[in-house]
N, C-alpha and C. Protein backbone atom coordinates (compact mmCIF):
# COMPACT_ATOMS: atom_id res chain seq x y z
N MET A 1 -61.39 39.20 -74.33
CA MET A 1 -61.43 39.56 -75.73
C MET A 1 -62.86 39.34 -76.26
N GLU A 2 -63.39 40.32 -76.98
CA GLU A 2 -64.75 40.23 -77.51
C GLU A 2 -64.76 39.47 -78.83
N PRO A 3 -65.81 38.70 -79.09
CA PRO A 3 -65.89 38.01 -80.38
C PRO A 3 -66.11 39.02 -81.50
N ASP A 4 -65.56 38.69 -82.65
CA ASP A 4 -65.68 39.55 -83.83
C ASP A 4 -67.02 39.27 -84.52
N ASN A 5 -67.97 40.22 -84.42
CA ASN A 5 -69.29 40.05 -85.02
C ASN A 5 -69.39 40.64 -86.42
N ASP A 6 -68.33 41.24 -86.90
CA ASP A 6 -68.35 41.81 -88.25
C ASP A 6 -68.19 40.70 -89.27
N ILE A 7 -69.16 40.58 -90.13
CA ILE A 7 -69.12 39.56 -91.17
C ILE A 7 -69.00 40.28 -92.50
N ALA A 8 -67.97 39.98 -93.24
CA ALA A 8 -67.79 40.59 -94.56
C ALA A 8 -68.45 39.69 -95.60
N LEU A 9 -69.38 40.26 -96.34
CA LEU A 9 -70.07 39.52 -97.39
C LEU A 9 -69.64 40.04 -98.75
N ASP A 10 -69.43 39.14 -99.67
CA ASP A 10 -69.17 39.54 -101.05
C ASP A 10 -70.52 39.61 -101.75
N ILE A 11 -71.01 40.82 -101.95
CA ILE A 11 -72.29 41.02 -102.62
C ILE A 11 -72.01 41.43 -104.05
N LEU A 12 -72.55 40.69 -104.99
CA LEU A 12 -72.32 40.93 -106.41
C LEU A 12 -73.62 41.40 -107.05
N ILE A 13 -73.62 42.62 -107.57
CA ILE A 13 -74.79 43.14 -108.28
C ILE A 13 -74.80 42.51 -109.67
N THR A 14 -75.89 41.85 -110.01
CA THR A 14 -75.97 41.15 -111.28
C THR A 14 -76.90 41.82 -112.29
N ASN A 15 -77.82 42.68 -111.82
CA ASN A 15 -78.74 43.33 -112.75
C ASN A 15 -79.34 44.57 -112.10
N VAL A 16 -79.27 45.69 -112.81
CA VAL A 16 -79.93 46.92 -112.38
C VAL A 16 -80.95 47.27 -113.46
N VAL A 17 -82.19 47.48 -113.04
CA VAL A 17 -83.27 47.83 -113.96
C VAL A 17 -83.67 49.28 -113.71
N CYS A 18 -83.74 50.05 -114.79
CA CYS A 18 -84.15 51.45 -114.65
C CYS A 18 -85.17 51.78 -115.74
N VAL A 19 -85.92 52.84 -115.50
CA VAL A 19 -86.91 53.31 -116.47
C VAL A 19 -86.70 54.80 -116.69
N PHE A 20 -87.10 55.26 -117.89
CA PHE A 20 -87.15 56.70 -118.15
C PHE A 20 -88.14 56.94 -119.28
N LYS A 21 -88.46 58.21 -119.49
CA LYS A 21 -89.39 58.59 -120.55
C LYS A 21 -88.68 59.54 -121.50
N THR A 22 -89.08 59.50 -122.77
CA THR A 22 -88.48 60.38 -123.77
C THR A 22 -89.30 61.64 -124.00
N ARG A 23 -90.52 61.65 -123.48
CA ARG A 23 -91.46 62.77 -123.65
C ARG A 23 -91.73 63.07 -125.12
N CYS A 24 -91.68 62.02 -125.94
CA CYS A 24 -92.09 62.14 -127.34
C CYS A 24 -92.53 60.77 -127.84
N HIS A 25 -93.34 60.77 -128.89
CA HIS A 25 -93.78 59.52 -129.52
C HIS A 25 -92.61 58.94 -130.31
N LEU A 26 -92.44 57.63 -130.26
CA LEU A 26 -91.36 56.96 -130.99
C LEU A 26 -91.95 56.05 -132.06
N ASN A 27 -91.46 56.19 -133.27
CA ASN A 27 -91.87 55.34 -134.38
C ASN A 27 -91.03 54.07 -134.34
N LEU A 28 -91.63 52.98 -133.86
CA LEU A 28 -90.89 51.73 -133.67
C LEU A 28 -90.38 51.16 -134.99
N ARG A 29 -91.15 51.31 -136.04
CA ARG A 29 -90.73 50.80 -137.36
C ARG A 29 -89.45 51.51 -137.81
N LYS A 30 -89.40 52.82 -137.62
CA LYS A 30 -88.21 53.60 -137.99
C LYS A 30 -87.00 53.16 -137.16
N ILE A 31 -87.20 52.95 -135.87
CA ILE A 31 -86.10 52.49 -135.01
C ILE A 31 -85.61 51.12 -135.48
N ALA A 32 -86.55 50.24 -135.83
CA ALA A 32 -86.19 48.89 -136.28
C ALA A 32 -85.43 48.92 -137.60
N LEU A 33 -85.83 49.81 -138.51
CA LEU A 33 -85.18 49.87 -139.83
C LEU A 33 -83.84 50.61 -139.80
N GLU A 34 -83.75 51.66 -139.00
CA GLU A 34 -82.55 52.50 -139.03
C GLU A 34 -81.60 52.28 -137.86
N GLY A 35 -82.06 51.66 -136.80
CA GLY A 35 -81.22 51.43 -135.63
C GLY A 35 -80.35 50.19 -135.79
N THR A 36 -79.37 50.06 -134.91
CA THR A 36 -78.51 48.87 -134.92
C THR A 36 -78.76 48.05 -133.66
N ASN A 37 -78.46 46.76 -133.75
CA ASN A 37 -78.67 45.82 -132.63
C ASN A 37 -80.11 45.90 -132.11
N VAL A 38 -81.06 45.78 -133.03
CA VAL A 38 -82.47 45.98 -132.73
C VAL A 38 -83.28 44.73 -133.07
N ILE A 39 -84.24 44.40 -132.23
CA ILE A 39 -85.22 43.35 -132.51
C ILE A 39 -86.59 44.00 -132.42
N TYR A 40 -87.35 43.94 -133.48
CA TYR A 40 -88.69 44.54 -133.52
C TYR A 40 -89.71 43.48 -133.18
N LYS A 41 -90.42 43.65 -132.09
CA LYS A 41 -91.48 42.73 -131.66
C LYS A 41 -92.82 43.39 -131.98
N ARG A 42 -93.19 43.37 -133.24
CA ARG A 42 -94.38 44.07 -133.71
C ARG A 42 -95.65 43.58 -133.05
N ASP A 43 -95.72 42.26 -132.81
CA ASP A 43 -96.92 41.67 -132.22
C ASP A 43 -97.22 42.20 -130.82
N VAL A 44 -96.20 42.60 -130.07
CA VAL A 44 -96.41 43.14 -128.73
C VAL A 44 -96.13 44.64 -128.67
N GLY A 45 -95.80 45.25 -129.79
CA GLY A 45 -95.64 46.69 -129.87
C GLY A 45 -94.45 47.25 -129.14
N LYS A 46 -93.29 46.60 -129.30
CA LYS A 46 -92.08 47.11 -128.66
C LYS A 46 -90.86 46.77 -129.49
N VAL A 47 -89.77 47.48 -129.19
CA VAL A 47 -88.49 47.23 -129.83
C VAL A 47 -87.48 46.95 -128.73
N LEU A 48 -86.63 45.96 -128.94
CA LEU A 48 -85.51 45.69 -128.04
C LEU A 48 -84.25 46.21 -128.70
N MET A 49 -83.46 46.98 -127.98
CA MET A 49 -82.21 47.51 -128.51
C MET A 49 -81.11 47.21 -127.51
N LYS A 50 -79.99 46.70 -128.01
CA LYS A 50 -78.87 46.36 -127.14
C LYS A 50 -77.73 47.35 -127.35
N LEU A 51 -77.10 47.73 -126.25
CA LEU A 51 -75.89 48.54 -126.28
C LEU A 51 -74.75 47.68 -125.77
N ARG A 52 -73.54 47.96 -126.27
CA ARG A 52 -72.38 47.17 -125.84
C ARG A 52 -71.68 47.76 -124.63
N LYS A 53 -71.56 49.10 -124.59
CA LYS A 53 -70.89 49.76 -123.46
C LYS A 53 -71.76 50.88 -122.96
N PRO A 54 -72.29 50.80 -121.79
CA PRO A 54 -72.36 49.60 -120.93
C PRO A 54 -73.32 48.58 -121.53
N ARG A 55 -73.14 47.35 -121.16
CA ARG A 55 -73.95 46.26 -121.72
C ARG A 55 -75.35 46.30 -121.11
N ILE A 56 -76.29 46.81 -121.89
CA ILE A 56 -77.69 46.87 -121.45
C ILE A 56 -78.59 46.46 -122.60
N THR A 57 -79.81 46.06 -122.24
CA THR A 57 -80.87 45.81 -123.21
C THR A 57 -82.02 46.74 -122.86
N ALA A 58 -82.48 47.50 -123.85
CA ALA A 58 -83.57 48.45 -123.62
C ALA A 58 -84.83 47.93 -124.30
N THR A 59 -85.93 48.03 -123.60
CA THR A 59 -87.25 47.75 -124.16
C THR A 59 -87.90 49.09 -124.41
N ILE A 60 -88.24 49.34 -125.68
CA ILE A 60 -88.73 50.66 -126.10
C ILE A 60 -90.17 50.53 -126.58
N TRP A 61 -91.05 51.39 -126.04
CA TRP A 61 -92.44 51.44 -126.49
C TRP A 61 -92.68 52.74 -127.25
N SER A 62 -93.65 52.73 -128.13
CA SER A 62 -93.95 53.92 -128.94
C SER A 62 -94.38 55.11 -128.09
N SER A 63 -94.89 54.86 -126.89
CA SER A 63 -95.31 55.94 -126.00
C SER A 63 -94.12 56.77 -125.50
N GLY A 64 -92.91 56.22 -125.66
CA GLY A 64 -91.72 56.91 -125.17
C GLY A 64 -91.20 56.35 -123.86
N LYS A 65 -91.87 55.34 -123.32
CA LYS A 65 -91.39 54.71 -122.10
C LYS A 65 -90.31 53.69 -122.47
N ILE A 66 -89.22 53.71 -121.69
CA ILE A 66 -88.10 52.80 -121.96
C ILE A 66 -87.66 52.16 -120.65
N ILE A 67 -87.45 50.84 -120.71
CA ILE A 67 -86.92 50.08 -119.57
C ILE A 67 -85.56 49.52 -119.97
N CYS A 68 -84.55 49.80 -119.17
CA CYS A 68 -83.20 49.29 -119.43
C CYS A 68 -82.84 48.23 -118.40
N THR A 69 -82.35 47.10 -118.86
CA THR A 69 -81.96 46.01 -117.97
C THR A 69 -80.55 45.55 -118.31
N GLY A 70 -79.93 44.86 -117.35
CA GLY A 70 -78.65 44.23 -117.62
C GLY A 70 -77.43 44.95 -117.10
N ALA A 71 -77.56 46.18 -116.63
CA ALA A 71 -76.41 46.90 -116.10
C ALA A 71 -75.96 46.24 -114.80
N THR A 72 -74.68 46.41 -114.45
CA THR A 72 -74.17 45.80 -113.23
C THR A 72 -73.85 46.84 -112.17
N SER A 73 -74.26 48.08 -112.39
CA SER A 73 -74.15 49.13 -111.37
C SER A 73 -75.17 50.21 -111.68
N GLU A 74 -75.50 51.00 -110.69
CA GLU A 74 -76.45 52.10 -110.91
C GLU A 74 -75.85 53.13 -111.86
N GLU A 75 -74.55 53.34 -111.76
CA GLU A 75 -73.87 54.29 -112.66
C GLU A 75 -73.96 53.81 -114.11
N ASP A 76 -73.69 52.51 -114.35
CA ASP A 76 -73.80 51.96 -115.70
C ASP A 76 -75.23 52.04 -116.23
N ALA A 77 -76.20 51.84 -115.35
CA ALA A 77 -77.60 51.91 -115.77
C ALA A 77 -77.93 53.32 -116.27
N LYS A 78 -77.51 54.33 -115.52
CA LYS A 78 -77.81 55.71 -115.94
C LYS A 78 -77.04 56.08 -117.20
N THR A 79 -75.77 55.68 -117.28
CA THR A 79 -74.98 55.94 -118.48
C THR A 79 -75.61 55.27 -119.69
N GLY A 80 -76.03 54.03 -119.54
CA GLY A 80 -76.67 53.30 -120.64
C GLY A 80 -77.98 53.94 -121.07
N ALA A 81 -78.77 54.38 -120.11
CA ALA A 81 -80.04 55.02 -120.43
C ALA A 81 -79.81 56.33 -121.19
N ARG A 82 -78.82 57.11 -120.76
CA ARG A 82 -78.51 58.36 -121.44
C ARG A 82 -77.95 58.12 -122.84
N ARG A 83 -77.12 57.08 -122.99
CA ARG A 83 -76.60 56.73 -124.32
C ARG A 83 -77.72 56.31 -125.25
N LEU A 84 -78.67 55.57 -124.71
CA LEU A 84 -79.81 55.14 -125.52
C LEU A 84 -80.63 56.35 -125.97
N ALA A 85 -80.85 57.30 -125.07
CA ALA A 85 -81.57 58.52 -125.44
C ALA A 85 -80.83 59.25 -126.56
N ARG A 86 -79.51 59.30 -126.48
CA ARG A 86 -78.71 59.95 -127.53
C ARG A 86 -78.84 59.22 -128.86
N VAL A 87 -78.86 57.89 -128.83
CA VAL A 87 -79.04 57.10 -130.07
C VAL A 87 -80.38 57.46 -130.72
N LEU A 88 -81.44 57.56 -129.90
CA LEU A 88 -82.75 57.89 -130.42
C LEU A 88 -82.78 59.32 -130.99
N GLN A 89 -82.05 60.23 -130.36
CA GLN A 89 -81.94 61.60 -130.89
C GLN A 89 -81.27 61.58 -132.25
N LYS A 90 -80.23 60.78 -132.40
CA LYS A 90 -79.52 60.69 -133.68
C LYS A 90 -80.39 60.06 -134.77
N LEU A 91 -81.41 59.31 -134.37
CA LEU A 91 -82.36 58.75 -135.34
C LEU A 91 -83.44 59.76 -135.72
N GLY A 92 -83.39 60.96 -135.11
CA GLY A 92 -84.29 62.02 -135.50
C GLY A 92 -85.45 62.30 -134.57
N PHE A 93 -85.48 61.68 -133.41
CA PHE A 93 -86.56 61.90 -132.46
C PHE A 93 -86.20 63.05 -131.51
N GLN A 94 -87.21 63.80 -131.08
CA GLN A 94 -87.02 64.93 -130.17
C GLN A 94 -87.04 64.44 -128.72
N VAL A 95 -86.06 63.64 -128.38
CA VAL A 95 -86.02 62.98 -127.07
C VAL A 95 -85.56 63.95 -125.99
N LYS A 96 -86.29 63.93 -124.88
CA LYS A 96 -85.89 64.62 -123.66
C LYS A 96 -85.81 63.55 -122.57
N PHE A 97 -84.66 63.46 -121.95
CA PHE A 97 -84.41 62.44 -120.92
C PHE A 97 -85.15 62.84 -119.64
N ALA A 98 -86.24 62.18 -119.32
CA ALA A 98 -87.08 62.59 -118.18
C ALA A 98 -87.53 61.38 -117.37
N GLY A 99 -87.80 61.61 -116.10
CA GLY A 99 -88.39 60.60 -115.24
C GLY A 99 -87.51 59.39 -114.98
N TYR A 100 -86.20 59.59 -114.98
CA TYR A 100 -85.29 58.46 -114.77
C TYR A 100 -85.44 57.93 -113.35
N LYS A 101 -85.49 56.60 -113.22
CA LYS A 101 -85.62 55.98 -111.90
C LYS A 101 -85.09 54.55 -111.94
N VAL A 102 -84.31 54.18 -110.94
CA VAL A 102 -83.90 52.78 -110.76
C VAL A 102 -85.06 52.08 -110.07
N VAL A 103 -85.55 51.00 -110.67
CA VAL A 103 -86.71 50.31 -110.12
C VAL A 103 -86.39 48.95 -109.50
N ASN A 104 -85.21 48.41 -109.80
CA ASN A 104 -84.86 47.10 -109.25
C ASN A 104 -83.35 46.90 -109.30
N VAL A 105 -82.80 46.33 -108.24
CA VAL A 105 -81.39 45.94 -108.21
C VAL A 105 -81.35 44.50 -107.73
N LEU A 106 -80.75 43.64 -108.53
CA LEU A 106 -80.62 42.23 -108.17
C LEU A 106 -79.17 41.96 -107.81
N ALA A 107 -78.96 41.40 -106.63
CA ALA A 107 -77.60 41.08 -106.17
C ALA A 107 -77.62 39.69 -105.56
N VAL A 108 -76.47 39.06 -105.57
CA VAL A 108 -76.34 37.72 -104.97
C VAL A 108 -75.17 37.72 -104.00
N CYS A 109 -75.29 36.88 -102.98
CA CYS A 109 -74.18 36.67 -102.05
C CYS A 109 -74.35 35.30 -101.41
N THR A 110 -73.26 34.78 -100.92
CA THR A 110 -73.28 33.52 -100.19
C THR A 110 -73.10 33.85 -98.71
N MET A 111 -74.04 33.38 -97.91
CA MET A 111 -73.99 33.65 -96.48
C MET A 111 -73.01 32.68 -95.81
N PRO A 112 -72.27 33.17 -94.81
CA PRO A 112 -71.30 32.31 -94.14
C PRO A 112 -71.94 31.43 -93.05
N PHE A 113 -73.26 31.33 -93.08
CA PHE A 113 -73.96 30.51 -92.10
C PHE A 113 -75.21 29.96 -92.76
N GLU A 114 -75.79 28.97 -92.11
CA GLU A 114 -76.99 28.32 -92.63
C GLU A 114 -78.23 29.09 -92.20
N ILE A 115 -79.20 29.20 -93.08
CA ILE A 115 -80.51 29.77 -92.74
C ILE A 115 -81.52 28.65 -92.89
N ARG A 116 -82.19 28.32 -91.81
CA ARG A 116 -83.22 27.28 -91.87
C ARG A 116 -84.51 27.95 -92.32
N LEU A 117 -84.87 27.71 -93.55
CA LEU A 117 -85.98 28.42 -94.16
C LEU A 117 -87.32 28.24 -93.44
N PRO A 118 -87.72 27.03 -93.04
CA PRO A 118 -89.01 26.89 -92.35
C PRO A 118 -89.08 27.69 -91.05
N GLU A 119 -88.01 27.64 -90.23
CA GLU A 119 -87.99 28.38 -88.97
C GLU A 119 -87.97 29.88 -89.22
N PHE A 120 -87.20 30.30 -90.20
CA PHE A 120 -87.12 31.73 -90.54
C PHE A 120 -88.50 32.24 -90.96
N THR A 121 -89.21 31.46 -91.75
CA THR A 121 -90.54 31.86 -92.20
C THR A 121 -91.51 31.98 -91.03
N LYS A 122 -91.51 30.99 -90.13
CA LYS A 122 -92.42 31.02 -88.98
C LYS A 122 -92.18 32.22 -88.09
N LYS A 123 -90.92 32.59 -87.88
CA LYS A 123 -90.58 33.70 -86.99
C LYS A 123 -90.83 35.07 -87.63
N ASN A 124 -90.97 35.14 -88.94
CA ASN A 124 -91.08 36.42 -89.63
C ASN A 124 -92.38 36.57 -90.42
N ARG A 125 -93.44 35.85 -90.02
CA ARG A 125 -94.73 36.05 -90.68
C ARG A 125 -95.30 37.39 -90.29
N PRO A 126 -96.05 38.08 -91.08
CA PRO A 126 -96.53 37.78 -92.43
C PRO A 126 -95.60 38.30 -93.53
N ILE A 127 -94.43 38.88 -93.17
CA ILE A 127 -93.58 39.43 -94.22
C ILE A 127 -92.66 38.40 -94.86
N ALA A 128 -92.65 37.19 -94.34
CA ALA A 128 -91.87 36.12 -94.94
C ALA A 128 -92.83 34.98 -95.27
N ARG A 129 -92.62 34.39 -96.43
CA ARG A 129 -93.46 33.24 -96.79
C ARG A 129 -92.70 32.30 -97.73
N TYR A 130 -93.02 31.03 -97.60
CA TYR A 130 -92.45 30.03 -98.47
C TYR A 130 -93.09 30.11 -99.84
N LYS A 131 -92.28 30.09 -100.87
CA LYS A 131 -92.80 29.94 -102.23
C LYS A 131 -92.90 28.46 -102.56
N ASN A 132 -91.88 27.73 -102.23
CA ASN A 132 -91.85 26.27 -102.36
C ASN A 132 -90.64 25.76 -101.57
N LEU A 133 -90.20 24.59 -101.82
CA LEU A 133 -89.07 24.05 -101.06
C LEU A 133 -87.74 24.65 -101.46
N LEU A 134 -87.68 25.41 -102.55
CA LEU A 134 -86.41 25.95 -103.01
C LEU A 134 -86.07 27.32 -102.45
N PHE A 135 -87.06 28.19 -102.26
CA PHE A 135 -86.73 29.51 -101.76
C PHE A 135 -87.87 30.13 -100.97
N LEU A 136 -87.54 31.21 -100.30
CA LEU A 136 -88.46 31.92 -99.44
C LEU A 136 -88.41 33.39 -99.81
N CYS A 137 -89.53 34.06 -99.71
CA CYS A 137 -89.62 35.47 -100.05
C CYS A 137 -89.81 36.27 -98.77
N TYR A 138 -88.95 37.27 -98.54
CA TYR A 138 -88.98 38.11 -97.34
C TYR A 138 -89.14 39.55 -97.79
N LYS A 139 -90.28 40.20 -97.45
CA LYS A 139 -90.59 41.54 -97.94
C LYS A 139 -90.65 42.54 -96.80
N ASN A 140 -90.13 43.75 -97.09
CA ASN A 140 -90.44 44.89 -96.25
C ASN A 140 -90.91 46.00 -97.19
N LEU A 141 -91.07 47.20 -96.71
CA LEU A 141 -91.64 48.26 -97.54
C LEU A 141 -90.78 48.63 -98.74
N ARG A 142 -89.46 48.49 -98.64
CA ARG A 142 -88.59 48.98 -99.70
C ARG A 142 -87.87 47.88 -100.47
N SER A 143 -87.90 46.64 -100.02
CA SER A 143 -87.11 45.63 -100.71
C SER A 143 -87.72 44.24 -100.56
N THR A 144 -87.26 43.34 -101.40
CA THR A 144 -87.63 41.94 -101.32
C THR A 144 -86.34 41.13 -101.28
N LEU A 145 -86.23 40.26 -100.31
CA LEU A 145 -85.07 39.40 -100.18
C LEU A 145 -85.51 37.99 -100.56
N LEU A 146 -84.86 37.42 -101.52
CA LEU A 146 -85.17 36.07 -101.97
C LEU A 146 -84.07 35.15 -101.48
N LEU A 147 -84.38 34.27 -100.54
CA LEU A 147 -83.40 33.34 -100.01
C LEU A 147 -83.55 32.02 -100.74
N GLN A 148 -82.45 31.55 -101.30
CA GLN A 148 -82.49 30.32 -102.06
C GLN A 148 -81.56 29.31 -101.40
N GLN A 149 -82.04 28.12 -101.23
CA GLN A 149 -81.26 27.07 -100.60
C GLN A 149 -80.35 26.45 -101.64
N CYS A 150 -79.08 26.37 -101.32
CA CYS A 150 -78.09 25.76 -102.22
C CYS A 150 -77.38 24.65 -101.49
N ASN A 151 -77.14 23.58 -102.16
CA ASN A 151 -76.35 22.48 -101.60
C ASN A 151 -74.97 22.53 -102.22
N ILE A 152 -74.02 23.02 -101.43
CA ILE A 152 -72.66 23.17 -101.96
C ILE A 152 -71.79 22.05 -101.44
C-alpha cells in the first residue's frame, strides 16, 4: 500500500486588493460632501469610501485611480470595484471602468507539519530570507510567501 501524499490545506483568503481607473478627474471635495461612508483625507489628497456589500474600502485619488481593499474573493473585489464606479457615476462623474487588475491576494493557512525557518532559508537562498525571528520571506517571480512561526 502506498502512503497518502495528498495533504488537504484549509486556505482562507483574507484580503484581495485590486486597482482600476475611472478615466476622468474626480473632485474629492464633492465626493466627501455628497457621498456616504466617506472619509476625506485632504492633507494627503485622497478619499476613503466604504461599501457594505461586498465589504470593501476604496482609496480614491483625484486622478481617477482607485484601490479597493478588503474583499475576500476575486469576484467580490470586482463586484465592489464596479459598484464603486456606479456610485461615482451617480455623483455626476463621467466614470469609465478601465484598467481593472487584482494586484494582491492575502491568504492564510496552517501547515500540518513544522517548517524550520533557518534551514528553509539556507536551502532556498537568494529567494528566501529571514526578516527577523518571527517570519521569513520567500519570493519567486509571481508571488511572495510569508511564513510566520506560531506557537500553538
